[in-house]
Amino acid sequence: MSKSSHRQSPGNKKVNSPISEKSRRSPSGERGQRRRNLILDTAADLLAQGGPEAINTNALAERAGISVGSVYQYFSDKEAILTALGERYIQQLGSNTVAALQQDVSGLDFATMIDRVIDPMIAFERKHPAFRHLNAGQSEEGTLAQATQRIDREILTTIYDLLIRVSPDVKPIEGLQIARIMKALYKGMSYLIQQEKEIVKDGGNIDGMITDMKRMMADYLENHLG
């Protein structure tokens, strides 16, 4: 049976973030884009180190080595900075995650397939620690939360399609259920990454825990699709 006949999962449309940046001006030319990126990169550093409360225009300007007026040229306030930073991460996360899930995994055993798909997704979350603060800091109706929900739906759809490529005879309802469980296990890994400092401080082995969860994924797929 063809992939198209199975595809009944939600969120089939390409992810488009609903975030609308509230900025004073758009960067014009390469110099303006560099200045805007500098502000956002600095905001990300402050956010990763101290959470949203660590960001204010004075601290940001001092860390970036620019004037406070330069910050206000591009962003009207702290919320505008966080919103723009959130949009950047949402786009990067969506692109990174979907690309990982769309890899060619034909001929691979389940354990190897899980490594090939999950490792780049985990690497992204470790590379961008500021994203967890943005994600956790939004209400359910917030624009960033809405974008995250769209990413979740896209991840679910893409996992479903991956499963169909691996096992084209799986029934649509069963395939969607397996996809939901795979997504839930990945979210569990994401939670562990968010708690990495605390886990290591308590003497835990974060890499070993992630390996155990990947083994759960592979065993589950083997039991249901093997």
C-alpha atoms as a PDB file:
ATOM      1  CA  MET A   1       0.000   0.000   0.000  1.00  0.00           C
ATOM      2  CA  SER A   2       1.342   3.431  -0.846  1.00  0.00           C
ATOM      3  CA  LYS A   3       2.494   6.036   1.633  1.00  0.00           C
ATOM      4  CA  SER A   4      -0.183   8.462   0.467  1.00  0.00           C
ATOM      5  CA  SER A   5      -2.951   6.003   1.261  1.00  0.00           C
ATOM      6  CA  HIS A   6      -1.753   5.765   4.854  1.00  0.00           C
ATOM      7  CA  ARG A   7      -1.084   9.426   5.541  1.00  0.00           C
ATOM      8  CA  GLN A   8      -3.910  10.378   7.853  1.00  0.00           C
ATOM      9  CA  SER A   9      -1.886  11.980  10.606  1.00  0.00           C
ATOM     10  CA  PRO A  10      -2.552  15.551  11.737  1.00  0.00           C
ATOM     11  CA  GLY A  11      -0.559  18.630  10.780  1.00  0.00           C
ATOM     12  CA  ASN A  12       0.246  17.757   7.199  1.00  0.00           C
ATOM     13  CA  LYS A  13       1.032  21.345   6.292  1.00  0.00           C
ATOM     14  CA  LYS A  14       4.545  22.735   6.405  1.00  0.00           C
ATOM     15  CA  VAL A  15       5.372  24.505   9.638  1.00  0.00           C
ATOM     16  CA  ASN A  16       4.916  28.236   9.494  1.00  0.00           C
ATOM     17  CA  SER A  17       5.572  30.084  12.710  1.00  0.00           C
ATOM     18  CA  PRO A  18       2.725  32.441  13.684  1.00  0.00           C
ATOM     19  CA  ILE A  19       5.112  34.722  15.528  1.00  0.00           C
ATOM     20  CA  SER A  20       5.041  38.295  14.352  1.00  0.00           C
ATOM     21  CA  GLU A  21       8.120  40.149  15.521  1.00  0.00           C
ATOM     22  CA  LYS A  22       7.449  43.432  17.302  1.00  0.00           C
ATOM     23  CA  SER A  23      10.527  45.399  16.302  1.00  0.00           C
ATOM     24  CA  ARG A  24      11.113  49.082  15.677  1.00  0.00           C
ATOM     25  CA  ARG A  25      12.894  48.588  12.387  1.00  0.00           C
ATOM     26  CA  SER A  26      13.962  45.847  10.061  1.00  0.00           C
ATOM     27  CA  PRO A  27      17.676  45.483   9.395  1.00  0.00           C
ATOM     28  CA  SER A  28      18.737  47.079   6.144  1.00  0.00           C
ATOM     29  CA  GLY A  29      21.783  45.621   4.459  1.00  0.00           C
ATOM     30  CA  GLU A  30      24.447  43.306   5.804  1.00  0.00           C
ATOM     31  CA  ARG A  31      25.523  45.670   8.586  1.00  0.00           C
ATOM     32  CA  GLY A  32      21.996  45.964   9.933  1.00  0.00           C
ATOM     33  CA  GLN A  33      21.506  42.202   9.866  1.00  0.00           C
ATOM     34  CA  ARG A  34      24.794  41.685  11.719  1.00  0.00           C
ATOM     35  CA  ARG A  35      23.726  44.151  14.410  1.00  0.00           C
ATOM     36  CA  ARG A  36      20.347  42.476  14.827  1.00  0.00           C
ATOM     37  CA  ASN A  37      21.974  39.034  15.025  1.00  0.00           C
ATOM     38  CA  LEU A  38      24.428  40.331  17.620  1.00  0.00           C
ATOM     39  CA  ILE A  39      21.550  41.514  19.793  1.00  0.00           C
ATOM     40  CA  LEU A  40      19.763  38.172  19.512  1.00  0.00           C
ATOM     41  CA  ASP A  41      22.940  36.140  20.091  1.00  0.00           C
ATOM     42  CA  THR A  42      23.662  38.161  23.219  1.00  0.00           C
ATOM     43  CA  ALA A  43      20.092  37.780  24.419  1.00  0.00           C
ATOM     44  CA  ALA A  44      20.406  34.015  23.966  1.00  0.00           C
ATOM     45  CA  ASP A  45      23.564  33.965  26.122  1.00  0.00           C
ATOM     46  CA  LEU A  46      21.867  35.935  28.882  1.00  0.00           C
ATOM     47  CA  LEU A  47      18.762  33.782  28.672  1.00  0.00           C
ATOM     48  CA  ALA A  48      20.711  30.519  28.911  1.00  0.00           C
ATOM     49  CA  GLN A  49      22.638  31.779  31.923  1.00  0.00           C
ATOM     50  CA  GLY A  50      19.892  33.393  33.950  1.00  0.00           C
ATOM     51  CA  GLY A  51      16.484  32.896  32.358  1.00  0.00           C
ATOM     52  CA  PRO A  52      14.183  35.641  31.024  1.00  0.00           C
ATOM     53  CA  GLU A  53      14.675  37.837  34.091  1.00  0.00           C
ATOM     54  CA  ALA A  54      18.382  38.152  33.206  1.00  0.00           C
ATOM     55  CA  ILE A  55      17.517  40.077  30.046  1.00  0.00           C
ATOM     56  CA  ASN A  56      17.230  43.852  30.149  1.00  0.00           C
ATOM     57  CA  THR A  57      18.364  46.374  27.602  1.00  0.00           C
ATOM     58  CA  ASN A  58      21.176  47.761  29.743  1.00  0.00           C
ATOM     59  CA  ALA A  59      22.693  44.339  30.460  1.00  0.00           C
ATOM     60  CA  LEU A  60      22.260  43.306  26.849  1.00  0.00           C
ATOM     61  CA  ALA A  61      23.896  46.450  25.482  1.00  0.00           C
ATOM     62  CA  GLU A  62      26.822  46.137  27.879  1.00  0.00           C
ATOM     63  CA  ARG A  63      27.402  42.468  27.028  1.00  0.00           C
ATOM     64  CA  ALA A  64      27.146  43.135  23.289  1.00  0.00           C
ATOM     65  CA  GLY A  65      29.388  46.200  23.426  1.00  0.00           C
ATOM     66  CA  ILE A  66      26.805  48.504  21.868  1.00  0.00           C
ATOM     67  CA  SER A  67      24.694  51.397  23.077  1.00  0.00           C
ATOM     68  CA  VAL A  68      21.233  50.968  24.571  1.00  0.00           C
ATOM     69  CA  GLY A  69      19.980  53.202  21.761  1.00  0.00           C
ATOM     70  CA  SER A  70      21.226  50.658  19.223  1.00  0.00           C
ATOM     71  CA  VAL A  71      19.113  47.970  20.897  1.00  0.00           C
ATOM     72  CA  TYR A  72      16.021  50.175  20.721  1.00  0.00           C
ATOM     73  CA  GLN A  73      16.660  50.853  17.047  1.00  0.00           C
ATOM     74  CA  TYR A  74      15.759  47.217  16.341  1.00  0.00           C
ATOM     75  CA  PHE A  75      13.565  46.120  19.254  1.00  0.00           C
ATOM     76  CA  SER A  76      10.981  48.104  21.153  1.00  0.00           C
ATOM     77  CA  ASP A  77      11.291  46.156  24.409  1.00  0.00           C
ATOM     78  CA  LYS A  78      12.307  42.912  26.088  1.00  0.00           C
ATOM     79  CA  GLU A  79       9.214  41.098  24.825  1.00  0.00           C
ATOM     80  CA  ALA A  80      10.096  41.960  21.231  1.00  0.00           C
ATOM     81  CA  ILE A  81      13.599  40.549  21.734  1.00  0.00           C
ATOM     82  CA  LEU A  82      12.297  37.314  23.241  1.00  0.00           C
ATOM     83  CA  THR A  83       9.692  36.966  20.511  1.00  0.00           C
ATOM     84  CA  ALA A  84      12.279  37.373  17.744  1.00  0.00           C
ATOM     85  CA  LEU A  85      14.646  34.970  19.489  1.00  0.00           C
ATOM     86  CA  GLY A  86      11.818  32.483  19.862  1.00  0.00           C
ATOM     87  CA  GLU A  87      11.014  32.688  16.177  1.00  0.00           C
ATOM     88  CA  ARG A  88      14.622  32.006  15.312  1.00  0.00           C
ATOM     89  CA  TYR A  89      14.717  28.882  17.469  1.00  0.00           C
ATOM     90  CA  ILE A  90      11.346  27.638  16.285  1.00  0.00           C
ATOM     91  CA  GLN A  91      12.517  27.824  12.664  1.00  0.00           C
ATOM     92  CA  GLN A  92      15.848  26.154  13.442  1.00  0.00           C
ATOM     93  CA  LEU A  93      14.258  23.432  15.548  1.00  0.00           C
ATOM     94  CA  GLY A  94      11.638  22.680  12.931  1.00  0.00           C
ATOM     95  CA  SER A  95      14.188  22.478  10.133  1.00  0.00           C
ATOM     96  CA  ASN A  96      16.636  20.390  12.199  1.00  0.00           C
ATOM     97  CA  THR A  97      14.025  17.968  13.497  1.00  0.00           C
ATOM     98  CA  VAL A  98      12.225  17.374  10.228  1.00  0.00           C
ATOM     99  CA  ALA A  99      15.538  16.927   8.390  1.00  0.00           C
ATOM    100  CA  ALA A 100      16.596  14.294  10.931  1.00  0.00           C
ATOM    101  CA  LEU A 101      13.322  12.413  10.558  1.00  0.00           C
ATOM    102  CA  GLN A 102      13.413  12.542   6.759  1.00  0.00           C
ATOM    103  CA  GLN A 103      16.718  10.703   6.462  1.00  0.00           C
ATOM    104  CA  ASP A 104      16.961   7.567   4.355  1.00  0.00           C
ATOM    105  CA  VAL A 105      16.864   4.746   6.901  1.00  0.00           C
ATOM    106  CA  SER A 106      16.160   1.908   4.487  1.00  0.00           C
ATOM    107  CA  GLY A 107      18.007  -1.290   5.377  1.00  0.00           C
ATOM    108  CA  LEU A 108      18.936  -0.142   8.901  1.00  0.00           C
ATOM    109  CA  ASP A 109      18.066  -2.091  12.018  1.00  0.00           C
ATOM    110  CA  PHE A 110      15.875  -0.246  14.518  1.00  0.00           C
ATOM    111  CA  ALA A 111      18.702   0.573  16.953  1.00  0.00           C
ATOM    112  CA  THR A 112      20.856   2.122  14.198  1.00  0.00           C
ATOM    113  CA  MET A 113      17.858   3.961  12.760  1.00  0.00           C
ATOM    114  CA  ILE A 114      17.068   5.479  16.174  1.00  0.00           C
ATOM    115  CA  ASP A 115      20.675   6.642  16.595  1.00  0.00           C
ATOM    116  CA  ARG A 116      20.713   8.172  13.118  1.00  0.00           C
ATOM    117  CA  VAL A 117      17.488  10.110  13.734  1.00  0.00           C
ATOM    118  CA  ILE A 118      17.642  11.019  17.426  1.00  0.00           C
ATOM    119  CA  ASP A 119      21.290  12.062  17.814  1.00  0.00           C
ATOM    120  CA  PRO A 120      21.050  15.268  15.706  1.00  0.00           C
ATOM    121  CA  MET A 121      17.822  16.230  17.483  1.00  0.00           C
ATOM    122  CA  ILE A 122      19.469  15.845  20.894  1.00  0.00           C
ATOM    123  CA  ALA A 123      22.525  17.753  19.652  1.00  0.00           C
ATOM    124  CA  PHE A 124      20.305  20.687  18.690  1.00  0.00           C
ATOM    125  CA  GLU A 125      18.764  20.905  22.153  1.00  0.00           C
ATOM    126  CA  ARG A 126      22.181  20.820  23.784  1.00  0.00           C
ATOM    127  CA  LYS A 127      23.504  23.483  21.422  1.00  0.00           C
ATOM    128  CA  HIS A 128      20.631  25.901  22.148  1.00  0.00           C
ATOM    129  CA  PRO A 129      19.947  25.877  25.908  1.00  0.00           C
ATOM    130  CA  ALA A 130      18.118  29.212  25.716  1.00  0.00           C
ATOM    131  CA  PHE A 131      15.234  27.615  23.834  1.00  0.00           C
ATOM    132  CA  ARG A 132      13.998  25.752  26.910  1.00  0.00           C
ATOM    133  CA  HIS A 133      13.486  29.051  28.765  1.00  0.00           C
ATOM    134  CA  LEU A 134      11.512  30.531  25.902  1.00  0.00           C
ATOM    135  CA  ASN A 135       9.370  27.445  25.553  1.00  0.00           C
ATOM    136  CA  ALA A 136       8.666  27.139  29.274  1.00  0.00           C
ATOM    137  CA  GLY A 137       8.014  30.834  29.696  1.00  0.00           C
ATOM    138  CA  GLN A 138       5.008  31.120  27.384  1.00  0.00           C
ATOM    139  CA  SER A 139       1.340  30.634  28.224  1.00  0.00           C
ATOM    140  CA  GLU A 140      -0.747  28.130  26.284  1.00  0.00           C
ATOM    141  CA  GLU A 141      -2.171  30.977  24.212  1.00  0.00           C
ATOM    142  CA  GLY A 142       1.195  32.652  23.611  1.00  0.00           C
ATOM    143  CA  THR A 143       2.535  33.012  20.097  1.00  0.00           C
ATOM    144  CA  LEU A 144       5.636  30.934  20.836  1.00  0.00           C
ATOM    145  CA  ALA A 145       3.484  28.191  22.374  1.00  0.00           C
ATOM    146  CA  GLN A 146       1.350  28.158  19.215  1.00  0.00           C
ATOM    147  CA  ALA A 147       4.455  27.800  17.078  1.00  0.00           C
ATOM    148  CA  THR A 148       5.720  24.980  19.302  1.00  0.00           C
ATOM    149  CA  GLN A 149       2.404  23.166  18.914  1.00  0.00           C
ATOM    150  CA  ARG A 150       2.750  23.401  15.151  1.00  0.00           C
ATOM    151  CA  ILE A 151       6.257  21.960  15.394  1.00  0.00           C
ATOM    152  CA  ASP A 152       4.863  19.110  17.507  1.00  0.00           C
ATOM    153  CA  ARG A 153       2.252  18.318  14.898  1.00  0.00           C
ATOM    154  CA  GLU A 154       4.877  18.402  12.148  1.00  0.00           C
ATOM    155  CA  ILE A 155       7.132  16.070  14.162  1.00  0.00           C
ATOM    156  CA  LEU A 156       4.237  13.640  14.677  1.00  0.00           C
ATOM    157  CA  THR A 157       3.399  13.651  10.968  1.00  0.00           C
ATOM    158  CA  THR A 158       7.021  13.155   9.949  1.00  0.00           C
ATOM    159  CA  ILE A 159       7.551  10.315  12.440  1.00  0.00           C
ATOM    160  CA  TYR A 160       4.420   8.699  11.028  1.00  0.00           C
ATOM    161  CA  ASP A 161       5.779   8.988   7.489  1.00  0.00           C
ATOM    162  CA  LEU A 162       9.109   7.518   8.623  1.00  0.00           C
ATOM    163  CA  LEU A 163       7.301   4.524  10.121  1.00  0.00           C
ATOM    164  CA  ILE A 164       5.347   4.037   6.891  1.00  0.00           C
ATOM    165  CA  ARG A 165       8.592   3.985   4.918  1.00  0.00           C
ATOM    166  CA  VAL A 166       9.981   1.351   7.281  1.00  0.00           C
ATOM    167  CA  SER A 167       6.805  -0.733   7.447  1.00  0.00           C
ATOM    168  CA  PRO A 168       4.420   0.144   4.573  1.00  0.00           C
ATOM    169  CA  ASP A 169       1.850  -2.491   5.577  1.00  0.00           C
ATOM    170  CA  VAL A 170       1.148  -1.063   9.035  1.00  0.00           C
ATOM    171  CA  LYS A 171      -2.456   0.025   9.555  1.00  0.00           C
ATOM    172  CA  PRO A 172      -2.953   3.821   9.724  1.00  0.00           C
ATOM    173  CA  ILE A 173      -4.418   3.818  13.252  1.00  0.00           C
ATOM    174  CA  GLU A 174      -1.630   1.588  14.560  1.00  0.00           C
ATOM    175  CA  GLY A 175       1.006   3.653  12.770  1.00  0.00           C
ATOM    176  CA  LEU A 176      -0.276   6.860  14.323  1.00  0.00           C
ATOM    177  CA  GLN A 177      -0.315   5.290  17.775  1.00  0.00           C
ATOM    178  CA  ILE A 178       3.280   4.115  17.384  1.00  0.00           C
ATOM    179  CA  ALA A 179       4.250   7.584  16.130  1.00  0.00           C
ATOM    180  CA  ARG A 180       2.712   9.196  19.219  1.00  0.00           C
ATOM    181  CA  ILE A 181       4.655   6.890  21.510  1.00  0.00           C
ATOM    182  CA  MET A 182       7.889   7.617  19.636  1.00  0.00           C
ATOM    183  CA  LYS A 183       7.266  11.350  19.966  1.00  0.00           C
ATOM    184  CA  ALA A 184       6.534  10.966  23.685  1.00  0.00           C
ATOM    185  CA  LEU A 185       9.798   9.083  24.228  1.00  0.00           C
ATOM    186  CA  TYR A 186      11.697  11.782  22.332  1.00  0.00           C
ATOM    187  CA  LYS A 187      10.031  14.427  24.505  1.00  0.00           C
ATOM    188  CA  GLY A 188      11.277  12.468  27.505  1.00  0.00           C
ATOM    189  CA  MET A 189      14.822  12.745  26.198  1.00  0.00           C
ATOM    190  CA  SER A 190      14.282  16.457  25.667  1.00  0.00           C
ATOM    191  CA  TYR A 191      13.201  16.791  29.290  1.00  0.00           C
ATOM    192  CA  LEU A 192      16.355  14.995  30.439  1.00  0.00           C
ATOM    193  CA  ILE A 193      18.494  17.410  28.416  1.00  0.00           C
ATOM    194  CA  GLN A 194      16.727  20.331  30.091  1.00  0.00           C
ATOM    195  CA  GLN A 195      17.592  18.814  33.475  1.00  0.00           C
ATOM    196  CA  GLU A 196      21.152  17.893  32.492  1.00  0.00           C
ATOM    197  CA  LYS A 197      22.949  20.147  34.987  1.00  0.00           C
ATOM    198  CA  GLU A 198      20.855  18.899  37.900  1.00  0.00           C
ATOM    199  CA  ILE A 199      21.235  15.265  36.834  1.00  0.00           C
ATOM    200  CA  VAL A 200      25.023  15.542  36.533  1.00  0.00           C
ATOM    201  CA  LYS A 201      25.215  17.426  39.845  1.00  0.00           C
ATOM    202  CA  ASP A 202      23.390  14.539  41.516  1.00  0.00           C
ATOM    203  CA  GLY A 203      25.849  12.052  40.024  1.00  0.00           C
ATOM    204  CA  GLY A 204      23.579  10.842  37.240  1.00  0.00           C
ATOM    205  CA  ASN A 205      24.702   9.678  33.808  1.00  0.00           C
ATOM    206  CA  ILE A 206      22.702  11.695  31.306  1.00  0.00           C
ATOM    207  CA  ASP A 207      24.140   9.949  28.243  1.00  0.00           C
ATOM    208  CA  GLY A 208      23.378   6.576  29.769  1.00  0.00           C
ATOM    209  CA  MET A 209      19.798   7.652  30.450  1.00  0.00           C
ATOM    210  CA  ILE A 210      19.339   8.793  26.854  1.00  0.00           C
ATOM    211  CA  THR A 211      20.837   5.512  25.632  1.00  0.00           C
ATOM    212  CA  ASP A 212      18.310   3.626  27.760  1.00  0.00           C
ATOM    213  CA  MET A 213      15.440   5.621  26.247  1.00  0.00           C
ATOM    214  CA  LYS A 214      16.710   5.017  22.727  1.00  0.00           C
ATOM    215  CA  ARG A 215      16.816   1.313  23.547  1.00  0.00           C
ATOM    216  CA  MET A 216      13.173   1.553  24.671  1.00  0.00           C
ATOM    217  CA  MET A 217      12.339   3.076  21.288  1.00  0.00           C
ATOM    218  CA  ALA A 218      14.156   0.357  19.368  1.00  0.00           C
ATOM    219  CA  ASP A 219      12.603  -2.446  21.449  1.00  0.00           C
ATOM    220  CA  TYR A 220       9.124  -0.986  20.996  1.00  0.00           C
ATOM    221  CA  LEU A 221       9.557  -0.727  17.227  1.00  0.00           C
ATOM    222  CA  GLU A 222      10.932  -4.254  17.087  1.00  0.00           C
ATOM    223  CA  ASN A 223       7.918  -5.578  18.997  1.00  0.00           C
ATOM    224  CA  HIS A 224       5.364  -3.760  16.834  1.00  0.00           C
ATOM    225  CA  LEU A 225       6.995  -3.553  13.412  1.00  0.00           C
ATOM    226  CA  GLY A 226       9.726  -6.187  13.439  1.00  0.00           C
END
